[in-house]
């Protein structure tokens, strides 16, 4: 690769900054005379003692040359199939901290290079076109090997004696970083629902992960007072459940997305064939999570022997007295002990609360109790359907005040997660960065997740009646692409002009439970300025 003769300083700015003017001019003349711009690292190596330059300068020059080559490489944003980013280079150096010299303008203090072997990966991101340099991690090298040698994920899992999903997670991370290229996801918002072309939040308009929230059984060891559905639904037979996994695998392959299954119920661990389905889901490479109740440690260990779940979510409804009134005597203490079990087993723990008028004041005190017990706390507003119709929500005004208090407290308590879409109204008003809302894409009903009930009914969202098909009578692709599903994933008519609708959409379940047409009217708790929004 050639380079203009006046481009030496552009290729090696860090090296230039470390050398005296007279020495640089002499080196520049020699290099330009032979048009040896790419040979500077070798020249530094051969003549290091003669030139009196630092020992680490040859390696620094090699990194700068790699950066220059990556910058000059044409990197497509997408690929027809998964492949290696053509700009990727792995450089072995004998000094650490060299990348700090290249990042010098962004650093206040540059650490001195130290003699030690290190592999540096250099590449240009497909979307931003930014050139990256960092120490190559073990997962980076695994992803590069799989791509360079055309090893299938299944083969890599067998060779490494690890689960297929862990290999897929490594490849997914490499795609997110831009080290590997992949086809575009086919799960994207309809462009008619994107408010502006000039938005910095385009990542919210498509998804690379699709979640099947599988209510695999109605059986439950609790009788919660806000349960959405206590109907007598017959669970799928083992053969039928296996067909669900097969159908999901085909859906994800066709849509170019990664599949995740959140097993729930009822209590999913009470499904008679749970271990068989959990094992097969793992073998198919799906990311697995459990939304359930406290369970014996040995039962959790048996799942870990198959594959450690990405997270285990349990529920608390406030402080002990209130929680046990909703979920049963002793539940609070069992759950707190179970959180300790999850921590001991190194399983990411999540706590979910269903927010009502009665427990809203208990949320912040509960979060303090969970500060060192759980990894993440989030809440959903009560959907007044099923048993939940007997409970009450706070007024919209009270809830708005609560959201401001919650966001403020979350800055001081790392366990407090952001979930409710309406929180983005506050960030929007403050001119701060928006977050992904309820599912990472605002309301994700029938977009980046669907719910499958024990008998095969498919719903856009489990929290209210929103049937879009039955997986026993139609494929997941047919159901997802149906007009019924499209109705749920589009925003309500009142939200279409809202500047934050791509990360909001309110809560369809709450809107439905107020007897409001979810396709026309917005969330009754929405408090965004009506003059500048919907």
Protein backbone atom coordinates (compact mmCIF):
# COMPACT_ATOMS: atom_id res chain seq x y z
CA UNK A 1 0.00 0.00 0.00
CA UNK A 2 1.52 3.27 -1.09
CA UNK A 3 1.30 6.61 0.67
CA UNK A 4 1.95 10.24 -0.28
CA UNK A 5 5.49 11.40 0.54
CA UNK A 6 4.19 14.14 2.80
CA UNK A 7 2.12 11.66 4.78
CA UNK A 8 4.79 10.22 7.09
CA UNK A 9 3.71 12.34 10.04
CA UNK A 10 0.09 11.38 9.39
CA UNK A 11 1.03 7.71 9.52
CA UNK A 12 3.22 7.92 12.63
CA UNK A 13 2.14 10.95 14.71
CA UNK A 14 2.97 9.38 18.09
CA UNK A 15 6.47 8.38 16.95
CA UNK A 16 6.98 11.85 15.53
CA UNK A 17 6.02 13.45 18.87
CA UNK A 18 8.71 11.44 20.70
CA UNK A 19 11.63 12.38 18.46
CA UNK A 20 13.65 15.57 18.21
CA UNK A 21 13.04 17.72 15.13
CA UNK A 22 16.50 17.14 13.67
CA UNK A 23 16.34 13.37 14.09
CA UNK A 24 12.86 13.17 12.60
CA UNK A 25 13.91 15.22 9.58
CA UNK A 26 16.83 12.87 8.94
CA UNK A 27 14.61 9.78 9.23
CA UNK A 28 12.00 11.40 7.04
CA UNK A 29 14.51 12.14 4.30
CA UNK A 30 15.79 8.54 4.30
CA UNK A 31 12.30 7.05 4.24
CA UNK A 32 10.99 9.37 1.54
CA UNK A 33 14.04 8.81 -0.62
CA UNK A 34 13.24 5.11 -0.86
CA UNK A 35 9.46 5.47 -0.64
CA UNK A 36 9.61 3.17 2.36
CA UNK A 37 6.77 4.53 4.41
CA UNK A 38 5.66 1.08 5.60
CA UNK A 39 9.24 0.10 6.45
CA UNK A 40 9.64 2.58 9.30
CA UNK A 41 9.05 -0.08 12.02
CA UNK A 42 11.81 -2.25 10.48
CA UNK A 43 14.13 0.76 10.11
CA UNK A 44 13.62 1.58 13.79
CA UNK A 45 14.39 -2.04 14.71
CA UNK A 46 17.60 -2.24 12.64
CA UNK A 47 18.95 1.18 13.54
CA UNK A 48 17.60 1.63 17.05
CA UNK A 49 21.02 1.88 18.68
CA UNK A 50 22.44 4.04 15.90
CA UNK A 51 19.52 6.45 16.08
CA UNK A 52 19.39 6.45 19.89
CA UNK A 53 15.65 6.01 20.00
CA UNK A 54 13.60 4.40 22.83
CA UNK A 55 13.51 0.61 22.83
CA UNK A 56 9.74 0.57 22.48
CA UNK A 57 9.58 2.82 19.42
CA UNK A 58 9.65 -0.02 16.80
CA UNK A 59 6.55 -1.58 18.37
CA UNK A 60 4.83 1.79 18.60
CA UNK A 61 5.53 2.33 14.90
CA UNK A 62 4.04 -1.07 14.10
CA UNK A 63 0.85 -0.15 15.93
CA UNK A 64 0.63 3.19 14.16
CA UNK A 65 1.13 1.50 10.81
CA UNK A 66 -1.63 -0.99 11.65
CA UNK A 67 -3.89 1.88 12.61
CA UNK A 68 -3.15 3.65 9.33
CA UNK A 69 -3.90 0.50 7.32
CA UNK A 70 -7.17 -0.05 9.19
CA UNK A 71 -8.17 3.54 8.49
CA UNK A 72 -7.53 2.98 4.78
CA UNK A 73 -9.52 -0.27 4.62
CA UNK A 74 -13.02 -0.20 3.21
CA UNK A 75 -15.24 -1.88 5.80
CA UNK A 76 -18.86 -2.56 4.85
CA UNK A 77 -21.46 -1.97 7.52
CA UNK A 78 -23.08 -5.35 6.89
CA UNK A 79 -22.22 -8.69 5.33
CA UNK A 80 -24.19 -11.33 3.47
CA UNK A 81 -23.03 -13.86 6.06
CA UNK A 82 -20.96 -13.75 9.23
CA UNK A 83 -17.31 -13.06 8.43
CA UNK A 84 -14.13 -11.40 9.65
CA UNK A 85 -13.86 -7.61 9.47
CA UNK A 86 -11.25 -7.04 6.71
CA UNK A 87 -9.53 -4.29 8.71
CA UNK A 88 -8.70 -6.54 11.68
CA UNK A 89 -5.01 -6.96 12.52
CA UNK A 90 -3.47 -8.65 15.55
CA UNK A 91 -0.06 -7.21 16.43
CA UNK A 92 2.33 -8.83 18.91
CA UNK A 93 4.38 -6.29 20.84
CA UNK A 94 6.97 -6.52 23.59
CA UNK A 95 5.82 -3.46 25.50
CA UNK A 96 2.55 -2.63 27.28
CA UNK A 97 0.87 0.80 27.54
CA UNK A 98 1.83 1.67 23.95
CA UNK A 99 -1.77 2.34 22.95
CA UNK A 100 -1.78 5.15 25.51
CA UNK A 101 0.60 7.13 23.26
CA UNK A 102 -1.83 6.80 20.38
CA UNK A 103 -4.69 7.90 22.66
CA UNK A 104 -2.55 10.73 24.11
CA UNK A 105 -4.93 13.61 23.26
CA UNK A 106 -7.64 11.91 25.36
CA UNK A 107 -5.39 11.15 28.33
CA UNK A 108 -4.25 13.51 31.05
CA UNK A 109 -1.29 11.38 32.05
CA UNK A 110 0.43 8.78 29.88
CA UNK A 111 1.80 5.72 31.72
CA UNK A 112 5.32 4.70 30.79
CA UNK A 113 5.77 1.64 28.55
CA UNK A 114 6.80 -1.52 30.38
CA UNK A 115 8.59 -4.53 28.95
CA UNK A 116 6.03 -7.34 28.56
CA UNK A 117 4.55 -9.41 25.73
CA UNK A 118 1.10 -8.36 24.59
CA UNK A 119 -1.26 -8.88 21.65
CA UNK A 120 -2.98 -5.77 20.33
CA UNK A 121 -6.04 -5.99 18.12
CA UNK A 122 -6.58 -3.15 15.64
CA UNK A 123 -9.72 -2.67 13.56
CA UNK A 124 -12.13 -0.14 12.11
CA UNK A 125 -15.70 -0.22 13.36
CA UNK A 126 -18.18 -0.81 10.51
CA UNK A 127 -20.73 1.82 11.49
CA UNK A 128 -18.78 4.68 13.08
CA UNK A 129 -15.61 4.06 11.02
CA UNK A 130 -13.62 4.70 14.19
CA UNK A 131 -10.31 2.85 14.40
CA UNK A 132 -9.90 0.91 17.62
CA UNK A 133 -6.78 -0.43 19.38
CA UNK A 134 -6.93 -2.54 22.51
CA UNK A 135 -5.33 -5.49 24.21
CA UNK A 136 -6.77 -8.62 22.61
CA UNK A 137 -8.84 -10.67 25.04
CA UNK A 138 -9.18 -14.43 25.05
CA UNK A 139 -12.71 -14.08 23.67
CA UNK A 140 -11.45 -11.80 20.88
CA UNK A 141 -8.95 -14.46 19.83
CA UNK A 142 -11.55 -17.24 20.00
CA UNK A 143 -13.93 -15.26 17.78
CA UNK A 144 -11.13 -14.50 15.31
CA UNK A 145 -10.09 -18.17 15.16
CA UNK A 146 -13.66 -19.34 14.58
CA UNK A 147 -14.16 -16.82 11.78
CA UNK A 148 -10.74 -17.17 10.14
CA UNK A 149 -10.85 -20.97 10.11
CA UNK A 150 -14.57 -21.20 9.24
CA UNK A 151 -15.29 -23.29 12.35
CA UNK A 152 -18.98 -23.72 13.07
CA UNK A 153 -20.21 -22.64 16.52
CA UNK A 154 -21.23 -26.25 17.17
CA UNK A 155 -17.72 -27.49 16.40
CA UNK A 156 -16.18 -24.80 18.58
CA UNK A 157 -18.46 -25.74 21.49
CA UNK A 158 -17.44 -29.38 21.26
CA UNK A 159 -13.73 -28.55 20.91
CA UNK A 160 -13.81 -26.20 23.89
CA UNK A 161 -16.12 -28.41 25.98
CA UNK A 162 -18.44 -25.45 26.54
CA UNK A 163 -22.08 -24.75 25.79
CA UNK A 164 -23.14 -23.63 22.35
CA UNK A 165 -24.75 -20.52 23.81
CA UNK A 166 -21.44 -19.44 25.37
CA UNK A 167 -19.76 -19.71 21.95
CA UNK A 168 -22.61 -17.75 20.37
CA UNK A 169 -22.24 -15.11 23.09
CA UNK A 170 -18.55 -14.73 22.18
CA UNK A 171 -19.42 -14.29 18.52
CA UNK A 172 -22.22 -11.86 19.35
CA UNK A 173 -19.82 -9.72 21.39
CA UNK A 174 -17.36 -9.68 18.48
CA UNK A 175 -20.15 -8.56 16.13
CA UNK A 176 -21.20 -5.80 18.53
CA UNK A 177 -17.60 -4.60 18.70
CA UNK A 178 -17.31 -4.74 14.92
CA UNK A 179 -14.52 -7.31 14.90
CA UNK A 180 -16.82 -9.64 13.00
CA UNK A 181 -19.41 -8.62 10.43
CA UNK A 182 -22.89 -10.11 10.27
CA UNK A 183 -26.07 -9.76 8.22
CA UNK A 184 -28.53 -7.09 9.28
CA UNK A 185 -31.32 -8.11 11.61
CA UNK A 186 -34.64 -8.42 9.84
CA UNK A 187 -36.48 -7.31 12.97
CA UNK A 188 -36.79 -3.58 12.47
CA UNK A 189 -39.35 -0.93 13.25
CA UNK A 190 -41.52 0.18 10.38
CA UNK A 191 -39.89 3.38 9.08
CA UNK A 192 -43.24 5.16 9.24
CA UNK A 193 -42.95 5.00 13.04
CA UNK A 194 -39.48 6.52 13.20
CA UNK A 195 -39.97 10.19 14.15
CA UNK A 196 -36.98 11.69 12.32
CA UNK A 197 -34.27 10.62 9.92
CA UNK A 198 -31.72 12.67 11.84
CA UNK A 199 -31.67 10.71 15.10
CA UNK A 200 -28.72 9.43 17.05
CA UNK A 201 -30.77 6.59 18.48
CA UNK A 202 -31.01 4.36 15.40
CA UNK A 203 -29.92 1.35 17.45
CA UNK A 204 -33.36 1.40 19.05
CA UNK A 205 -35.08 0.78 15.71
CA UNK A 206 -33.77 -2.76 15.19
CA UNK A 207 -32.78 -5.63 17.42
CA UNK A 208 -30.21 -8.40 17.24
CA UNK A 209 -31.80 -10.37 20.11
CA UNK A 210 -35.29 -11.86 20.15
CA UNK A 211 -36.79 -13.11 23.41
CA UNK A 212 -39.39 -15.81 23.80
CA UNK A 213 -41.01 -15.36 27.19
CA UNK A 214 -42.24 -18.90 27.71
CA UNK A 215 -44.88 -19.40 30.37
CA UNK A 216 -44.24 -23.09 30.27
CA UNK A 217 -46.68 -24.06 33.03
CA UNK A 218 -49.54 -22.63 35.08
CA UNK A 219 -48.45 -24.67 38.09
CA UNK A 220 -47.27 -22.41 40.90
CA UNK A 221 -46.43 -22.74 44.58
CA UNK A 222 -47.73 -19.24 45.30
CA UNK A 223 -51.16 -17.57 45.18
CA UNK A 224 -50.23 -13.93 44.57
CA UNK A 225 -52.97 -11.33 44.91
CA UNK A 226 -52.03 -9.60 41.66
CA UNK A 227 -51.65 -12.72 39.46
CA UNK A 228 -52.54 -11.95 35.85
CA UNK A 229 -53.88 -15.40 35.00
CA UNK A 230 -55.09 -18.27 37.15
CA UNK A 231 -56.91 -20.02 34.35
CA UNK A 232 -56.52 -23.78 33.96
CA UNK A 233 -54.28 -24.06 30.91
CA UNK A 234 -52.92 -27.44 29.96
CA UNK A 235 -49.14 -27.49 29.47
CA UNK A 236 -47.61 -28.68 26.21
CA UNK A 237 -46.43 -32.26 25.97
CA UNK A 238 -42.67 -32.79 25.71
CA UNK A 239 -42.82 -33.40 21.94
CA UNK A 240 -44.85 -30.22 21.44
CA UNK A 241 -42.43 -28.23 23.58
CA UNK A 242 -39.52 -29.50 21.51
CA UNK A 243 -41.27 -28.26 18.37
CA UNK A 244 -41.41 -24.80 19.95
CA UNK A 245 -37.61 -24.85 20.27
CA UNK A 246 -37.25 -26.01 16.68
CA UNK A 247 -39.61 -23.30 15.47
CA UNK A 248 -37.77 -20.61 17.46
CA UNK A 249 -34.43 -21.75 16.03
CA UNK A 250 -35.78 -21.44 12.48
CA UNK A 251 -37.28 -18.03 13.27
CA UNK A 252 -33.99 -16.67 14.62
CA UNK A 253 -32.00 -18.02 11.69
CA UNK A 254 -34.46 -16.51 9.21
CA UNK A 255 -34.58 -13.13 10.95
CA UNK A 256 -30.79 -12.97 11.60
CA UNK A 257 -31.23 -12.57 15.35
CA UNK A 258 -29.96 -14.31 18.47
CA UNK A 259 -32.59 -16.22 20.43
CA UNK A 260 -33.21 -15.92 24.15
CA UNK A 261 -35.72 -17.88 26.20
CA UNK A 262 -37.01 -16.54 29.49
CA UNK A 263 -38.62 -19.52 31.19
CA UNK A 264 -41.45 -18.52 33.49
CA UNK A 265 -44.93 -19.64 34.52
CA UNK A 266 -46.43 -20.15 37.04
CA UNK A 267 -43.24 -21.58 38.39
CA UNK A 268 -41.29 -22.95 35.41
CA UNK A 269 -39.35 -25.38 37.59
CA UNK A 270 -42.64 -27.24 38.21
CA UNK A 271 -43.04 -28.16 34.54
CA UNK A 272 -42.56 -31.96 34.52
CA UNK A 273 -40.14 -31.92 31.57
CA UNK A 274 -38.28 -28.75 32.49
CA UNK A 275 -34.78 -30.26 32.60
CA UNK A 276 -35.22 -31.90 29.21
CA UNK A 277 -36.41 -28.67 27.58
CA UNK A 278 -33.77 -26.59 29.38
CA UNK A 279 -31.05 -28.94 28.14
CA UNK A 280 -32.29 -28.95 24.54
CA UNK A 281 -32.63 -25.16 24.56
CA UNK A 282 -29.02 -24.95 25.72
CA UNK A 283 -27.89 -27.37 23.02
CA UNK A 284 -29.55 -25.15 20.40
CA UNK A 285 -27.50 -22.18 21.58
CA UNK A 286 -30.26 -20.03 23.04
CA UNK A 287 -29.48 -17.67 25.90
CA UNK A 288 -31.44 -18.95 28.89
CA UNK A 289 -33.01 -17.10 31.79
CA UNK A 290 -35.44 -18.06 34.54
CA UNK A 291 -38.24 -15.97 36.01
CA UNK A 292 -39.42 -17.97 38.98
CA UNK A 293 -39.66 -18.49 42.71
CA UNK A 294 -37.03 -19.37 45.33
CA UNK A 295 -35.82 -22.93 44.83
CA UNK A 296 -33.52 -25.37 46.66
CA UNK A 297 -29.82 -24.85 45.99
CA UNK A 298 -29.39 -28.39 44.66
CA UNK A 299 -32.09 -27.79 42.05
CA UNK A 300 -30.27 -24.69 40.82
CA UNK A 301 -26.98 -26.56 40.75
CA UNK A 302 -28.56 -29.21 38.55
CA UNK A 303 -29.43 -26.47 36.03
CA UNK A 304 -25.92 -25.05 36.22
CA UNK A 305 -24.58 -28.50 35.32
CA UNK A 306 -26.45 -28.05 32.02
CA UNK A 307 -25.84 -24.33 31.61
CA UNK A 308 -25.73 -21.42 34.04
CA UNK A 309 -28.73 -19.17 33.36
CA UNK A 310 -27.94 -15.65 32.18
CA UNK A 311 -30.00 -14.46 35.13
CA UNK A 312 -32.59 -15.66 37.61
CA UNK A 313 -35.41 -13.23 38.38
CA UNK A 314 -37.52 -13.39 41.53
CA UNK A 315 -40.23 -11.03 42.75
CA UNK A 316 -40.72 -8.96 45.88
CA UNK A 317 -43.68 -6.64 46.39
CA UNK A 318 -42.27 -4.35 49.06
CA UNK A 319 -41.03 -4.73 52.61
CA UNK A 320 -41.64 -7.95 54.49
CA UNK A 321 -45.13 -7.37 55.90
CA UNK A 322 -46.63 -6.07 52.66
CA UNK A 323 -44.79 -8.57 50.46
CA UNK A 324 -46.00 -11.53 52.52
CA UNK A 325 -49.56 -10.22 52.41
CA UNK A 326 -49.35 -10.33 48.60
CA UNK A 327 -47.21 -13.44 48.06
CA UNK A 328 -47.67 -15.49 51.21
CA UNK A 329 -46.25 -15.72 54.72
CA UNK A 330 -42.50 -16.33 54.79
CA UNK A 331 -41.94 -15.47 51.12
CA UNK A 332 -39.86 -12.36 51.84
CA UNK A 333 -37.30 -14.16 53.99
CA UNK A 334 -37.13 -17.15 51.62
CA UNK A 335 -36.45 -14.79 48.73
CA UNK A 336 -33.74 -12.87 50.56
CA UNK A 337 -32.00 -16.15 51.44
CA UNK A 338 -32.37 -17.32 47.85
CA UNK A 339 -30.66 -14.16 46.61
CA UNK A 340 -27.69 -15.18 48.76
CA UNK A 341 -27.77 -18.63 47.13
CA UNK A 342 -27.71 -17.06 43.67
CA UNK A 343 -24.76 -14.90 44.67
CA UNK A 344 -22.88 -17.91 46.05
CA UNK A 345 -23.51 -19.72 42.75
CA UNK A 346 -22.41 -16.65 40.77
CA UNK A 347 -25.78 -16.31 39.03
CA UNK A 348 -26.88 -12.79 38.10
CA UNK A 349 -29.94 -12.01 40.24
CA UNK A 350 -32.82 -9.72 39.37
CA UNK A 351 -35.68 -8.61 41.59
CA UNK A 352 -38.96 -7.46 40.04
CA UNK A 353 -41.71 -5.54 41.82
CA UNK A 354 -45.26 -4.89 40.63
CA UNK A 355 -45.91 -1.30 41.61
CA UNK A 356 -49.24 -0.40 43.22
CA UNK A 357 -50.65 2.48 45.21
CA UNK A 358 -49.95 0.56 48.42
CA UNK A 359 -46.30 -0.37 47.88
CA UNK A 360 -44.97 2.65 45.98
CA UNK A 361 -43.59 4.24 49.18
CA UNK A 362 -41.74 1.00 49.98
CA UNK A 363 -39.73 0.84 46.75
CA UNK A 364 -36.78 2.99 47.83
CA UNK A 365 -36.43 1.37 51.28
CA UNK A 366 -36.58 -2.05 49.63
CA UNK A 367 -33.84 -1.04 47.21
CA UNK A 368 -31.62 -0.17 50.16
CA UNK A 369 -32.13 -3.66 51.57
CA UNK A 370 -31.24 -5.12 48.18
CA UNK A 371 -28.15 -2.96 47.66
CA UNK A 372 -25.77 -5.79 48.59
CA UNK A 373 -28.13 -8.74 47.99
CA UNK A 374 -29.20 -8.48 44.33
CA UNK A 375 -27.58 -7.44 41.07
CA UNK A 376 -30.57 -5.54 39.67
CA UNK A 377 -33.94 -4.24 40.83
CA UNK A 378 -36.68 -3.10 38.47
CA UNK A 379 -40.43 -2.61 38.65
CA UNK A 380 -43.50 -2.69 36.43
CA UNK A 381 -46.71 -0.82 37.06
CA UNK A 382 -49.63 -3.05 37.97
CA UNK A 383 -51.82 -4.13 35.07
CA UNK A 384 -55.28 -4.38 36.54
CA UNK A 385 -56.23 -7.65 34.89
CA UNK A 386 -56.87 -11.03 36.46
CA UNK A 387 -56.40 -10.90 40.24
CA UNK A 388 -54.69 -7.54 39.78
CA UNK A 389 -58.07 -5.93 39.13
CA UNK A 390 -58.61 -5.94 42.90
CA UNK A 391 -55.58 -3.70 43.54
CA UNK A 392 -55.05 0.00 42.85
CA UNK A 393 -52.48 2.11 41.05
CA UNK A 394 -51.30 5.50 42.32
CA UNK A 395 -52.62 8.59 40.59
CA UNK A 396 -50.68 9.77 37.51
CA UNK A 397 -49.49 12.84 39.43
CA UNK A 398 -48.22 10.77 42.35
CA UNK A 399 -46.49 8.40 39.96
CA UNK A 400 -44.74 11.23 38.14
CA UNK A 401 -43.28 12.52 41.42
CA UNK A 402 -42.21 8.98 42.30
CA UNK A 403 -40.34 8.58 38.99
CA UNK A 404 -38.31 11.73 39.65
CA UNK A 405 -37.44 10.44 43.14
CA UNK A 406 -36.58 6.98 41.83
CA UNK A 407 -34.26 8.26 39.11
CA UNK A 408 -32.53 10.54 41.61
CA UNK A 409 -32.04 7.68 44.07
CA UNK A 410 -30.81 5.33 41.33
CA UNK A 411 -27.77 7.55 40.85
CA UNK A 412 -26.69 6.59 44.38
CA UNK A 413 -27.75 2.93 44.43
CA UNK A 414 -26.29 0.69 41.70
CA UNK A 415 -28.90 -2.04 42.18
CA UNK A 416 -31.70 0.24 40.94
CA UNK A 417 -32.36 -0.35 37.26
CA UNK A 418 -34.31 1.79 34.80
CA UNK A 419 -37.23 0.08 33.07
CA UNK A 420 -40.49 2.01 32.81
CA UNK A 421 -40.65 3.75 29.43
CA UNK A 422 -42.05 6.92 30.99
CA UNK A 423 -38.71 7.56 32.68
CA UNK A 424 -37.49 8.72 29.30
CA UNK A 425 -39.80 11.71 29.56
CA UNK A 426 -37.63 12.99 32.42
CA UNK A 427 -34.38 12.39 30.52
CA UNK A 428 -35.89 14.10 27.48
CA UNK A 429 -36.94 17.13 29.51
CA UNK A 430 -33.43 17.41 30.98
CA UNK A 431 -31.76 17.02 27.59
CA UNK A 432 -30.01 13.88 28.82
CA UNK A 433 -29.32 10.63 26.97
CA UNK A 434 -32.36 8.38 26.59
CA UNK A 435 -32.26 4.71 27.57
CA UNK A 436 -33.90 1.69 25.97
CA UNK A 437 -36.97 1.61 28.14
CA UNK A 438 -38.86 -1.54 29.06
CA UNK A 439 -37.24 -3.97 26.60
CA UNK A 440 -34.33 -1.98 25.23
CA UNK A 441 -36.59 -0.74 22.41
CA UNK A 442 -39.35 1.01 24.30
CA UNK A 443 -42.44 -1.18 24.43
CA UNK A 444 -41.26 -4.40 22.82
CA UNK A 445 -44.62 -6.14 22.58
CA UNK A 446 -44.58 -8.34 19.45
CA UNK A 447 -41.35 -6.60 18.41
CA UNK A 448 -38.29 -7.99 20.20
CA UNK A 449 -40.26 -10.39 22.39
CA UNK A 450 -43.46 -12.39 22.47
CA UNK A 451 -45.08 -14.51 25.17
CA UNK A 452 -46.06 -18.15 24.69
CA UNK A 453 -48.53 -19.49 27.23
CA UNK A 454 -48.61 -23.07 28.55
CA UNK A 455 -51.21 -24.19 26.00
CA UNK A 456 -49.42 -22.65 23.02
CA UNK A 457 -51.29 -19.35 22.79
CA UNK A 458 -48.99 -16.56 21.62
CA UNK A 459 -49.51 -13.08 23.07
CA UNK A 460 -47.85 -9.76 22.32
CA UNK A 461 -47.49 -9.21 26.07
CA UNK A 462 -48.27 -11.51 28.97
CA UNK A 463 -49.59 -8.78 31.22
CA UNK A 464 -52.89 -8.41 29.35
CA UNK A 465 -54.95 -10.38 26.80
CA UNK A 466 -53.16 -9.77 23.50
CA UNK A 467 -53.36 -13.02 21.54
CA UNK A 468 -51.75 -12.96 18.11
CA UNK A 469 -51.82 -16.69 17.34
CA UNK A 470 -51.17 -20.19 18.62
CA UNK A 471 -47.84 -21.86 18.14
CA UNK A 472 -49.53 -25.24 17.73
CA UNK A 473 -51.45 -24.00 14.70
CA UNK A 474 -48.97 -21.70 12.98
CA UNK A 475 -45.25 -21.07 12.75
CA UNK A 476 -43.59 -18.35 14.78
CA UNK A 477 -42.69 -16.51 11.58
CA UNK A 478 -46.30 -16.53 10.40
CA UNK A 479 -47.49 -15.29 13.77
CA UNK A 480 -44.81 -12.61 14.04
CA UNK A 481 -45.43 -11.32 10.50
CA UNK A 482 -49.22 -11.27 10.92
CA UNK A 483 -51.34 -8.13 10.84
CA UNK A 484 -52.39 -8.85 14.42
CA UNK A 485 -48.80 -8.71 15.65
CA UNK A 486 -48.09 -5.57 13.62
CA UNK A 487 -50.97 -3.79 15.37
CA UNK A 488 -49.33 -4.37 18.76
CA UNK A 489 -45.82 -3.28 17.79
CA UNK A 490 -46.85 -0.03 16.19
CA UNK A 491 -47.30 2.95 18.47
CA UNK A 492 -50.72 4.29 19.38
CA UNK A 493 -52.02 7.05 17.14
CA UNK A 494 -51.47 9.62 19.89
CA UNK A 495 -47.79 8.64 20.19
CA UNK A 496 -46.77 8.72 16.53
CA UNK A 497 -45.41 12.29 16.57
CA UNK A 498 -43.83 12.03 20.01
CA UNK A 499 -40.07 12.75 19.92
CA UNK A 500 -39.31 9.83 22.26
CA UNK A 501 -41.76 7.23 20.95
CA UNK A 502 -38.90 5.04 19.70
CA UNK A 503 -37.87 4.40 23.33
CA UNK A 504 -41.31 4.65 24.89
CA UNK A 505 -44.82 3.75 23.79
CA UNK A 506 -45.96 3.73 27.40
CA UNK A 507 -47.31 0.46 28.81
CA UNK A 508 -49.98 -1.24 26.73
CA UNK A 509 -51.05 -3.43 29.65
CA UNK A 510 -51.69 -0.45 31.93
CA UNK A 511 -53.52 1.37 29.15
CA UNK A 512 -55.68 -1.68 28.45
CA UNK A 513 -56.52 -2.14 32.13
CA UNK A 514 -57.90 1.40 32.19
CA UNK A 515 -60.40 0.48 29.47
CA UNK A 516 -58.59 2.64 26.91
CA UNK A 517 -58.09 1.74 23.24
CA UNK A 518 -54.37 0.91 23.15
CA UNK A 519 -54.12 1.44 19.39
CA UNK A 520 -55.48 5.00 19.52
CA UNK A 521 -54.75 6.46 22.95
CA UNK A 522 -51.51 6.83 24.85
CA UNK A 523 -50.63 5.58 28.32
CA UNK A 524 -52.87 7.46 30.82
CA UNK A 525 -49.82 8.03 33.04
CA UNK A 526 -47.87 9.83 30.29
CA UNK A 527 -46.83 13.32 31.40
CA UNK A 528 -44.81 14.58 28.43
CA UNK A 529 -45.64 18.14 27.34
CA UNK A 530 -48.69 17.83 25.11
CA UNK A 531 -47.68 20.91 23.12
CA UNK A 532 -44.46 19.31 21.88
CA UNK A 533 -45.48 15.69 21.56
CA UNK A 534 -48.43 13.57 20.67
